[in-house]
Amino acid sequence: MRQFKFYFKIVTDNNCPLYEKGEFLTLSDKALSCPENKPTCLILVREMTTLLFSLLESGDLQGGVENKVYNCSGCSGLIKFSRISEQKAMQDGLITASPSLDPEAEELLETVRDFPLIQAVPAKELSRVVRCFRKESLPANITFITKGQKCLYLYLILSGEIVVSNGSLLIASLGTGDICGEMSYLGGGNAGADVKTLTSSEVLSISGDAFSKLLDRIPELQLFMSRLLVQRLAESNASHFDVFDACMSGWITEMPPAELFQIFHMNQKTGVLNLELPQGQAKVSFREGCVINAHYRNKSNQAAIFDMLKENEGRYFFTTGLSPDEMKAAEIGDFMMLLMEGIKRVDESGEDT
């Protein structure tokens, strides 16, 4: 039998107990490969076997109609999967690239070889990584990552001048070899700042899902990104606190409660954060960055914090120092667990509306 391999992406998941939308399937002349770390569904095997015989009878072993959708009737659910090209499968990180590159890719590799991200990649993985990126040209003065919106791609800057800002606050200036959009591989998280081109720029882009697959495969790349995120967080907090040290007040629209709390925690501040919110006055007391009490809408401590995190309008101002009794008070809970639970509740309440 002639060798072949087809690639499929799951485009619909209607309560399938095993597989999810966005995952991949591979069908070759020898085997069916299901999503990584997922069991093989026997019903899917039956469906794929029927599809295989249909393709063999039709002589369609060249990939057929790209994007054609097939069904699996399933047991308690239904999935639909679409055929994708080998190039698309490679871009999404499904295929291990061959060691050889075409001339254009070879030229690109030489261009980026000294970039910090690429230097973190083992030599045997370079071809695979380069093949996953797509080259894009961006005009001057456009915002291609917007604060608060889903960040779907990670960008590696080839040329041009790019800035990261939060309102009127400049966080960072980026250029050749730098990275932006790192939130994309964390489940398509919301961007924490705007990213804008100052000049015409060229970038390499990769989807967050595809980059996550590379991280799973390449530990060195995962370590590099972890260090980068720690560095970015430290720089962001330092930029924000330069403003706080100057005025210690501002607007919630510019600095939402979740971000405020993180900054006071990271900088181990001691004092009282007062907030004028739509439903009244709120107060959070910090001792060396730990929350020791909170009050809002006749609620106290954790319940008050959860309600504050839902607000997106109002003012804040911070005063340093605590009373002797407050300096002895116990924390109301682990800060990061408190914050994560509060953000989770905000997300859930948003989905219900």
Protein backbone atom coordinates (compact mmCIF):
# COMPACT_ATOMS: atom_id res chain seq x y z
CA MET A 1 0.00 0.00 0.00
CA ARG A 2 1.24 3.47 -0.83
CA GLN A 3 2.36 5.53 2.18
CA PHE A 4 0.31 8.59 3.12
CA LYS A 5 -0.63 10.76 6.08
CA PHE A 6 -3.68 12.97 6.60
CA TYR A 7 -4.05 15.65 9.24
CA PHE A 8 -7.30 16.71 10.89
CA LYS A 9 -8.22 19.44 13.36
CA ILE A 10 -11.27 19.09 15.61
CA VAL A 11 -13.54 22.05 14.81
CA THR A 12 -16.65 21.09 16.82
CA ASP A 13 -16.97 19.42 20.22
CA ASN A 14 -20.51 18.68 21.36
CA ASN A 15 -19.99 17.10 24.78
CA CYS A 16 -17.39 14.59 23.58
CA PRO A 17 -16.06 12.81 26.72
CA LEU A 18 -12.51 12.47 25.32
CA TYR A 19 -11.57 15.15 22.83
CA GLU A 20 -11.83 18.93 22.62
CA LYS A 21 -12.13 21.55 19.92
CA GLY A 22 -8.73 22.59 18.59
CA GLU A 23 -7.03 19.23 19.11
CA PHE A 24 -5.49 17.22 16.26
CA LEU A 25 -5.84 13.78 14.75
CA THR A 26 -3.47 12.08 12.32
CA LEU A 27 -4.42 9.20 10.00
CA SER A 28 -1.70 7.34 8.12
CA ASP A 29 -1.46 4.08 6.20
CA LYS A 30 -0.29 2.46 9.46
CA ALA A 31 -2.15 4.06 12.37
CA LEU A 32 -4.54 6.58 13.82
CA SER A 33 -2.92 9.05 16.22
CA CYS A 34 -5.22 10.75 18.71
CA PRO A 35 -4.51 13.98 20.64
CA GLU A 36 -1.46 13.75 22.89
CA ASN A 37 -2.04 12.10 26.26
CA LYS A 38 -5.61 11.18 25.29
CA PRO A 39 -6.94 7.61 25.00
CA THR A 40 -7.94 6.17 21.64
CA CYS A 41 -11.69 6.07 21.15
CA LEU A 42 -12.83 2.82 19.51
CA ILE A 43 -15.83 4.54 17.95
CA LEU A 44 -13.48 7.07 16.36
CA VAL A 45 -11.27 4.22 15.12
CA ARG A 46 -14.32 2.70 13.41
CA GLU A 47 -15.24 6.03 11.82
CA MET A 48 -11.66 6.65 10.66
CA THR A 49 -11.41 3.13 9.23
CA THR A 50 -14.53 3.78 7.16
CA LEU A 51 -13.03 7.09 6.02
CA LEU A 52 -9.76 5.38 5.14
CA PHE A 53 -11.45 2.82 2.91
CA SER A 54 -13.44 5.60 1.26
CA LEU A 55 -10.24 7.49 0.46
CA LEU A 56 -8.51 4.35 -0.83
CA GLU A 57 -11.44 3.52 -3.10
CA SER A 58 -11.50 7.04 -4.49
CA GLY A 59 -7.72 7.11 -4.90
CA ASP A 60 -7.63 10.34 -2.92
CA LEU A 61 -4.20 10.05 -1.30
CA GLN A 62 -2.93 13.55 -2.03
CA GLY A 63 -4.70 15.36 0.81
CA GLY A 64 -7.99 15.82 -1.00
CA VAL A 65 -10.15 18.84 -0.31
CA GLU A 66 -8.60 20.95 2.41
CA ASN A 67 -11.03 22.09 5.15
CA LYS A 68 -13.55 19.38 4.30
CA VAL A 69 -15.40 18.47 7.49
CA TYR A 70 -16.08 14.91 8.72
CA ASN A 71 -18.25 13.68 11.59
CA CYS A 72 -17.83 11.20 14.38
CA SER A 73 -21.27 10.22 15.71
CA GLY A 74 -19.71 9.34 19.04
CA CYS A 75 -21.20 7.73 22.11
CA SER A 76 -22.43 10.52 24.36
CA GLY A 77 -21.12 13.36 22.21
CA LEU A 78 -20.22 14.49 18.74
CA ILE A 79 -17.04 15.85 17.19
CA LYS A 80 -16.42 17.24 13.74
CA PHE A 81 -12.94 17.36 12.29
CA SER A 82 -11.59 19.20 9.28
CA ARG A 83 -8.76 18.15 6.97
CA ILE A 84 -5.80 20.52 7.05
CA SER A 85 -2.74 20.76 4.85
CA GLU A 86 0.70 19.55 5.86
CA GLN A 87 1.86 23.19 5.90
CA LYS A 88 -0.93 24.18 8.30
CA ALA A 89 -0.20 21.16 10.49
CA MET A 90 3.44 22.20 10.64
CA GLN A 91 2.57 25.81 11.51
CA ASP A 92 0.32 24.59 14.33
CA GLY A 93 3.17 22.50 15.72
CA LEU A 94 1.63 19.12 14.87
CA ILE A 95 4.44 17.90 12.61
CA THR A 96 8.10 17.59 13.43
CA ALA A 97 9.88 19.50 10.72
CA SER A 98 12.55 17.75 8.71
CA PRO A 99 16.14 18.90 9.32
CA SER A 100 16.36 20.51 5.88
CA LEU A 101 14.89 23.94 5.17
CA ASP A 102 14.01 25.62 1.91
CA PRO A 103 16.22 28.60 0.90
CA GLU A 104 13.77 31.19 2.25
CA ALA A 105 13.55 29.45 5.63
CA GLU A 106 17.33 29.04 5.72
CA GLU A 107 17.72 32.79 5.14
CA LEU A 108 15.21 33.50 7.90
CA LEU A 109 17.06 31.21 10.30
CA GLU A 110 20.31 33.07 9.64
CA THR A 111 18.50 36.36 10.38
CA VAL A 112 17.15 35.23 13.77
CA ARG A 113 19.93 32.87 14.86
CA ASP A 114 21.36 35.38 17.37
CA PHE A 115 17.98 36.34 18.85
CA PRO A 116 17.71 35.38 22.56
CA LEU A 117 14.62 33.23 21.96
CA ILE A 118 16.27 31.28 19.14
CA GLN A 119 19.51 30.86 21.08
CA ALA A 120 17.48 29.08 23.78
CA VAL A 121 16.43 26.41 21.24
CA PRO A 122 18.63 23.29 20.87
CA ALA A 123 20.21 22.95 17.42
CA LYS A 124 18.23 19.80 16.60
CA GLU A 125 14.95 21.72 17.12
CA LEU A 126 15.79 24.88 15.16
CA SER A 127 14.22 23.76 11.89
CA ARG A 128 10.99 22.79 13.60
CA VAL A 129 10.75 26.10 15.46
CA VAL A 130 11.47 28.31 12.44
CA ARG A 131 8.88 26.52 10.33
CA CYS A 132 6.18 27.32 12.89
CA PHE A 133 6.52 31.10 12.52
CA ARG A 134 4.89 33.29 9.88
CA LYS A 135 6.45 36.53 8.65
CA GLU A 136 4.27 39.65 8.78
CA SER A 137 4.71 43.31 7.85
CA LEU A 138 3.07 45.90 10.11
CA PRO A 139 2.55 49.57 9.16
CA ALA A 140 3.57 52.40 11.47
CA ASN A 141 1.27 53.66 14.24
CA ILE A 142 -1.01 50.64 14.62
CA THR A 143 -1.94 48.91 17.87
CA PHE A 144 -1.72 45.19 17.13
CA ILE A 145 -2.19 44.04 20.74
CA THR A 146 -4.91 45.82 22.73
CA LYS A 147 -5.11 45.83 26.51
CA GLY A 148 -8.02 43.79 27.85
CA GLN A 149 -8.53 41.86 24.62
CA LYS A 150 -7.56 38.26 23.89
CA CYS A 151 -3.92 37.88 22.96
CA LEU A 152 -3.78 35.04 20.42
CA TYR A 153 -0.27 35.34 18.98
CA LEU A 154 3.30 35.66 20.18
CA TYR A 155 5.49 37.98 18.11
CA LEU A 156 9.25 37.97 17.53
CA ILE A 157 10.39 41.36 16.24
CA LEU A 158 12.56 41.33 13.11
CA SER A 159 12.78 45.10 12.56
CA GLY A 160 11.17 48.37 13.53
CA GLU A 161 10.34 50.25 16.73
CA ILE A 162 7.53 48.99 18.98
CA VAL A 163 6.31 50.29 22.33
CA VAL A 164 4.35 48.71 25.20
CA SER A 165 2.13 51.12 27.15
CA ASN A 166 -0.65 51.28 29.70
CA GLY A 167 -2.64 54.39 28.83
CA SER A 168 -0.16 57.27 28.92
CA LEU A 169 2.39 55.19 30.87
CA LEU A 170 5.25 53.83 28.74
CA ILE A 171 6.21 50.36 30.00
CA ALA A 172 8.85 49.26 27.46
CA SER A 173 10.41 50.02 24.09
CA LEU A 174 11.07 46.96 21.93
CA GLY A 175 13.20 46.32 18.87
CA THR A 176 14.95 43.63 16.86
CA GLY A 177 15.08 40.29 18.70
CA ASP A 178 12.54 41.23 21.38
CA ILE A 179 9.28 39.36 22.09
CA CYS A 180 5.75 40.61 22.73
CA GLY A 181 2.39 38.89 23.19
CA GLU A 182 3.75 36.35 25.66
CA MET A 183 0.28 36.03 27.25
CA SER A 184 -0.91 34.23 24.10
CA TYR A 185 0.40 30.80 25.07
CA LEU A 186 -1.20 31.02 28.51
CA GLY A 187 -4.56 29.94 27.16
CA GLY A 188 -5.11 33.00 25.01
CA GLY A 189 -5.12 35.30 28.05
CA ASN A 190 -6.14 38.95 27.96
CA ALA A 191 -3.35 41.39 27.15
CA GLY A 192 -2.19 43.48 30.10
CA ALA A 193 -1.04 46.42 27.95
CA ASP A 194 -1.25 47.96 24.48
CA VAL A 195 1.51 47.13 21.98
CA LYS A 196 1.95 49.62 19.12
CA THR A 197 4.31 50.14 16.19
CA LEU A 198 6.10 53.49 15.99
CA THR A 199 7.62 52.70 12.59
CA SER A 200 6.96 50.18 9.84
CA SER A 201 7.95 46.85 11.35
CA GLU A 202 8.43 43.20 10.47
CA VAL A 203 7.59 40.44 12.92
CA LEU A 204 7.39 36.68 13.08
CA SER A 205 4.10 35.46 14.54
CA ILE A 206 3.04 32.13 16.00
CA SER A 207 -0.30 31.17 17.53
CA GLY A 208 -0.43 30.65 21.28
CA ASP A 209 -1.57 27.05 20.81
CA ALA A 210 1.32 26.24 18.48
CA PHE A 211 3.84 27.88 20.79
CA SER A 212 2.48 25.93 23.75
CA LYS A 213 3.19 22.70 21.84
CA LEU A 214 6.78 23.83 21.27
CA LEU A 215 7.14 24.56 24.99
CA ASP A 216 5.90 21.08 25.85
CA ARG A 217 8.49 19.60 23.51
CA ILE A 218 11.47 21.87 24.31
CA PRO A 219 12.25 22.34 28.04
CA GLU A 220 14.96 24.91 27.27
CA LEU A 221 12.38 27.11 25.56
CA GLN A 222 10.04 26.75 28.52
CA LEU A 223 12.79 27.87 30.92
CA PHE A 224 13.59 30.88 28.72
CA MET A 225 9.94 32.01 28.68
CA SER A 226 9.60 31.54 32.45
CA ARG A 227 12.57 33.81 33.05
CA LEU A 228 11.25 36.35 30.56
CA LEU A 229 7.84 36.49 32.28
CA VAL A 230 9.49 37.08 35.69
CA GLN A 231 11.61 39.87 34.19
CA ARG A 232 8.59 41.48 32.48
CA LEU A 233 6.56 41.40 35.68
CA ALA A 234 9.38 43.06 37.63
CA GLU A 235 9.79 45.78 34.98
CA SER A 236 6.04 46.40 34.82
CA ASN A 237 5.74 46.72 38.59
CA ALA A 238 8.72 49.06 38.73
CA SER A 239 7.18 51.27 36.03
CA HIS A 240 3.86 51.40 37.83
CA PHE A 241 5.41 52.16 41.19
CA ASP A 242 7.39 55.08 39.83
CA VAL A 243 4.00 56.69 39.30
CA PHE A 244 2.71 55.57 42.71
CA ASP A 245 5.72 57.04 44.50
CA ALA A 246 4.99 60.36 42.80
CA CYS A 247 1.26 60.66 43.49
CA MET A 248 -0.11 57.48 45.16
CA SER A 249 -3.49 58.08 43.52
CA GLY A 250 -5.27 57.56 40.24
CA TRP A 251 -8.27 56.21 38.36
CA ILE A 252 -9.57 52.65 38.41
CA THR A 253 -10.08 52.77 34.63
CA GLU A 254 -6.31 53.15 34.29
CA MET A 255 -5.36 50.69 37.05
CA PRO A 256 -8.07 48.11 37.91
CA PRO A 257 -8.23 46.63 41.44
CA ALA A 258 -6.55 43.31 40.51
CA GLU A 259 -3.54 45.15 39.12
CA LEU A 260 -3.43 47.54 42.09
CA PHE A 261 -3.43 44.71 44.60
CA GLN A 262 -0.65 42.86 42.75
CA ILE A 263 1.58 45.93 42.67
CA PHE A 264 1.22 46.65 46.40
CA HIS A 265 1.85 42.96 47.13
CA MET A 266 4.91 42.66 44.87
CA ASN A 267 6.43 45.87 46.29
CA GLN A 268 5.72 44.82 49.90
CA LYS A 269 4.01 48.11 50.75
CA THR A 270 2.60 48.91 54.18
CA GLY A 271 -0.39 51.23 54.40
CA VAL A 272 -4.05 51.68 53.47
CA LEU A 273 -5.46 51.66 49.95
CA ASN A 274 -8.71 53.67 49.84
CA LEU A 275 -11.03 53.33 46.88
CA GLU A 276 -14.02 55.47 45.84
CA LEU A 277 -16.13 52.95 43.94
CA PRO A 278 -19.59 53.17 42.32
CA GLN A 279 -21.25 51.49 45.31
CA GLY A 280 -19.38 53.32 48.05
CA GLN A 281 -16.07 53.61 49.86
CA ALA A 282 -13.71 50.63 50.07
CA LYS A 283 -10.54 50.07 52.04
CA VAL A 284 -7.73 47.50 51.93
CA SER A 285 -4.91 47.46 54.48
CA PHE A 286 -1.51 46.03 53.51
CA ARG A 287 1.35 45.02 55.79
CA GLU A 288 4.54 44.38 53.80
CA GLY A 289 2.37 43.45 50.82
CA CYS A 290 0.02 41.11 52.69
CA VAL A 291 -3.69 41.94 53.03
CA ILE A 292 -4.69 42.12 56.69
CA ASN A 293 -8.21 43.54 56.33
CA ALA A 294 -10.64 44.81 53.71
CA HIS A 295 -14.09 46.46 53.78
CA TYR A 296 -16.64 47.23 51.05
CA ARG A 297 -20.46 47.25 50.79
CA ASN A 298 -20.97 46.01 54.37
CA LYS A 299 -18.64 43.10 53.63
CA SER A 300 -15.29 42.35 55.15
CA ASN A 301 -12.01 40.68 54.23
CA GLN A 302 -12.26 38.05 51.45
CA ALA A 303 -15.88 38.82 50.52
CA ALA A 304 -15.03 42.52 50.27
CA ILE A 305 -11.98 41.81 48.07
CA PHE A 306 -14.09 39.67 45.71
CA ASP A 307 -16.61 42.52 45.28
CA MET A 308 -13.86 45.12 44.70
CA LEU A 309 -12.36 43.04 41.90
CA LYS A 310 -15.61 43.38 39.95
CA GLU A 311 -15.37 47.17 39.76
CA ASN A 312 -13.88 49.00 36.78
CA GLU A 313 -14.62 52.64 37.62
CA GLY A 314 -13.69 54.97 40.46
CA ARG A 315 -10.62 56.45 42.14
CA TYR A 316 -7.93 55.18 44.49
CA PHE A 317 -5.38 56.75 46.83
CA PHE A 318 -2.81 55.17 49.12
CA THR A 319 -1.49 56.36 52.47
CA THR A 320 1.54 54.78 54.11
CA GLY A 321 1.65 53.43 57.65
CA LEU A 322 -0.59 51.35 59.93
CA SER A 323 -1.63 51.52 63.57
CA PRO A 324 0.22 49.32 66.11
CA ASP A 325 -2.81 47.01 66.35
CA GLU A 326 -2.98 46.62 62.56
CA MET A 327 0.73 45.81 62.45
CA LYS A 328 -0.04 42.79 64.65
CA ALA A 329 -3.14 41.63 62.74
CA ALA A 330 -3.19 38.27 60.93
CA GLU A 331 -3.39 38.00 57.15
CA ILE A 332 -6.85 37.28 55.77
CA GLY A 333 -5.43 34.57 53.47
CA ASP A 334 -2.70 33.69 50.99
CA PHE A 335 -2.54 36.67 48.63
CA MET A 336 -2.21 34.80 45.32
CA MET A 337 -4.92 32.28 46.20
CA LEU A 338 -7.19 35.15 47.24
CA LEU A 339 -6.55 37.04 44.01
CA MET A 340 -6.98 34.00 41.75
CA GLU A 341 -10.24 33.02 43.43
CA GLY A 342 -11.53 36.57 43.08
CA ILE A 343 -10.63 36.76 39.39
CA LYS A 344 -12.27 33.37 38.83
CA ARG A 345 -15.48 34.66 40.40
CA VAL A 346 -15.38 37.79 38.23
CA ASP A 347 -15.00 35.64 35.10
CA GLU A 348 -17.86 33.38 36.17
CA SER A 349 -20.16 36.31 36.89
CA GLY A 350 -19.32 37.77 33.47
CA GLU A 351 -20.25 34.50 31.75
CA ASP A 352 -23.61 34.46 33.56
CA THR A 353 -24.63 37.91 32.33
